[in-house]
Protein backbone atom coordinates (compact mmCIF):
# COMPACT_ATOMS: atom_id res chain seq x y z
CA MET A 1 0.00 0.00 0.00
CA ASP A 2 2.92 2.32 0.67
CA GLU A 3 3.46 2.81 -3.05
CA ILE A 4 0.05 4.50 -3.39
CA THR A 5 -0.20 6.37 -0.09
CA GLY A 6 -1.22 9.93 -0.82
CA GLN A 7 -1.58 9.34 -4.56
CA LYS A 8 -4.54 10.16 -6.74
CA LEU A 9 -4.95 7.18 -9.04
CA SER A 10 -6.58 7.40 -12.45
CA ILE A 11 -9.10 4.71 -13.29
CA GLY A 12 -6.42 2.88 -15.31
CA GLN A 13 -3.92 2.97 -12.45
CA PHE A 14 -6.60 1.97 -9.96
CA ALA A 15 -7.69 -0.91 -12.18
CA GLN A 16 -4.13 -2.17 -12.33
CA VAL A 17 -3.64 -1.93 -8.55
CA VAL A 18 -6.86 -3.80 -7.68
CA GLY A 19 -6.68 -6.27 -10.59
CA LEU A 20 -9.92 -5.28 -12.30
CA SER A 21 -10.63 -3.74 -15.67
CA ALA A 22 -11.69 -0.11 -16.00
CA TYR A 23 -14.93 -1.44 -17.47
CA THR A 24 -15.59 -3.48 -14.30
CA LEU A 25 -14.79 -0.50 -12.10
CA ARG A 26 -17.28 1.63 -14.05
CA TYR A 27 -19.86 -1.14 -13.63
CA TYR A 28 -19.18 -1.19 -9.88
CA GLU A 29 -19.55 2.59 -9.87
CA ASN A 30 -22.88 2.37 -11.71
CA GLU A 31 -24.06 -0.25 -9.19
CA GLY A 32 -23.12 2.05 -6.31
CA LEU A 33 -20.36 -0.19 -4.98
CA VAL A 34 -17.55 2.29 -5.60
CA LYS A 35 -17.73 6.07 -5.40
CA PRO A 36 -14.72 7.70 -7.01
CA LYS A 37 -13.71 11.21 -6.15
CA ARG A 38 -13.47 13.90 -8.85
CA ASP A 39 -10.64 16.31 -9.47
CA GLU A 40 -10.99 19.94 -10.57
CA ALA A 41 -11.34 18.79 -14.21
CA ASP A 42 -14.13 16.35 -13.13
CA ARG A 43 -11.94 13.30 -13.81
CA ARG A 44 -12.35 10.27 -11.58
CA TYR A 45 -9.60 9.48 -9.18
CA TYR A 46 -9.12 6.93 -6.46
CA ASP A 47 -6.96 6.77 -3.37
CA GLU A 48 -5.62 4.28 -0.85
CA MET A 49 -8.97 3.99 0.95
CA ASP A 50 -10.65 3.10 -2.35
CA VAL A 51 -8.05 0.39 -2.95
CA ARG A 52 -8.74 -1.07 0.49
CA TRP A 53 -12.49 -0.90 -0.08
CA VAL A 54 -12.40 -2.64 -3.45
CA ARG A 55 -10.07 -5.32 -2.13
CA PHE A 56 -12.57 -5.95 0.67
CA LEU A 57 -15.43 -6.10 -1.83
CA LEU A 58 -13.46 -8.64 -3.86
CA HIS A 59 -13.04 -10.78 -0.75
CA LEU A 60 -16.79 -10.67 -0.21
CA LYS A 61 -17.39 -11.45 -3.87
CA GLY A 62 -14.94 -14.34 -3.57
CA THR A 63 -17.21 -15.94 -0.97
CA GLY A 64 -19.98 -16.09 -3.54
CA MET A 65 -21.72 -12.91 -2.45
CA SER A 66 -23.95 -11.66 -5.25
CA ILE A 67 -23.89 -8.12 -6.64
CA GLY A 68 -27.30 -7.61 -5.04
CA GLN A 69 -25.94 -8.67 -1.66
CA LEU A 70 -22.89 -6.47 -2.12
CA LYS A 71 -25.17 -3.53 -2.93
CA ARG A 72 -27.24 -4.23 0.19
CA TYR A 73 -24.08 -4.39 2.29
CA VAL A 74 -22.89 -1.05 0.86
CA GLU A 75 -26.30 0.52 1.55
CA LEU A 76 -26.31 -0.74 5.12
CA ARG A 77 -22.75 0.44 5.69
CA ALA A 78 -23.65 3.92 4.45
CA MET A 79 -26.48 4.09 6.99
CA GLY A 80 -24.03 3.83 9.88
CA ASP A 81 -23.37 1.65 12.87
CA GLU A 82 -27.03 1.13 13.68
CA THR A 83 -27.10 -1.33 10.77
CA ILE A 84 -24.36 -3.54 12.18
CA PRO A 85 -26.87 -6.24 13.21
CA GLU A 86 -28.25 -6.38 9.65
CA ARG A 87 -24.76 -6.47 8.18
CA LEU A 88 -23.80 -9.25 10.57
CA GLU A 89 -26.89 -11.23 9.54
CA LEU A 90 -26.14 -10.73 5.83
CA LEU A 91 -22.53 -11.81 6.29
CA GLY A 92 -23.68 -14.82 8.31
CA GLU A 93 -25.96 -15.92 5.46
CA VAL A 94 -23.11 -15.56 2.97
CA LYS A 95 -20.78 -17.47 5.30
CA GLN A 96 -23.24 -20.36 5.60
CA LYS A 97 -23.68 -20.55 1.83
CA CYS A 98 -19.89 -20.51 1.43
CA LEU A 99 -19.49 -23.31 4.00
CA ASP A 100 -22.16 -25.36 2.21
CA GLU A 101 -20.31 -24.91 -1.08
CA ILE A 102 -17.01 -25.91 0.54
CA ALA A 103 -18.63 -29.07 1.92
CA GLN A 104 -19.97 -29.92 -1.54
CA VAL A 105 -16.57 -29.37 -3.15
CA GLN A 106 -14.94 -31.54 -0.47
CA GLU A 107 -17.46 -34.31 -1.17
CA ASN A 108 -16.80 -34.04 -4.91
CA LEU A 109 -13.05 -34.12 -4.29
CA ALA A 110 -13.42 -37.24 -2.16
CA VAL A 111 -15.28 -39.02 -4.99
CA LEU A 112 -12.62 -37.86 -7.45
CA ASN A 113 -9.88 -39.24 -5.21
CA HIS A 114 -11.73 -42.56 -4.88
CA LYS A 115 -12.10 -42.73 -8.67
CA MET A 116 -8.38 -42.12 -9.10
CA ASP A 117 -7.60 -44.80 -6.49
CA TRP A 118 -9.97 -47.19 -8.27
CA TYR A 119 -8.20 -46.59 -11.59
CA ALA A 120 -4.79 -47.05 -9.94
CA GLY A 121 -6.04 -50.25 -8.30
CA LYS A 122 -7.28 -51.52 -11.67
CA LEU A 123 -3.89 -50.80 -13.24
CA ASP A 124 -1.86 -52.48 -10.52
CA GLY A 125 -4.22 -55.46 -10.13
CA GLN A 126 -5.36 -54.69 -6.57
CA ILE A 127 -8.95 -54.26 -7.75
CA PRO A 128 -10.51 -57.19 -9.62
CA ASP A 129 -11.51 -56.62 -13.26
CA ASP A 130 -15.15 -57.40 -12.47
CA GLU A 131 -15.51 -54.80 -9.66
CA ASP A 132 -17.28 -51.67 -10.86
CA PHE A 133 -16.76 -48.21 -9.43
CA GLU A 134 -20.17 -48.00 -7.70
CA ARG A 135 -19.41 -51.16 -5.74
CA TYR A 136 -15.93 -49.88 -4.88
CA LEU A 137 -17.36 -46.50 -3.85
CA SER A 138 -20.01 -48.07 -1.60
CA GLN A 139 -17.37 -49.12 0.91
CA PHE A 140 -16.66 -45.44 1.65
CA ARG A 141 -20.23 -44.31 2.28
């Protein structure tokens, strides 16, 4: 962050720092997620706080949070600390959905690993030719 402290970043510079396209940043602006400042010539600029904010939004988005949920979070945040309970509830819902998705991915990975073990067992003769994958998999359920 030190490299941008005190700087006014153009949309192109800001896009590069946060890893988004200028098009995406304009979309986020139109959706009310980002509010750039304007210089005396009415050009957008961004600062260190904007970089931190967008990075936080990207973390939320990375959990599977929808644009609608992000917008709601931004609205609640703008209303002040009295909305902390609502923000906490929203984040809790997103967390639960994320945990459910992680559990599903872990289950899928386990089946993938069993399939790979089954193939390896077929190749090295540890699994009989007449044993199908469903039967092999049933021992792990």
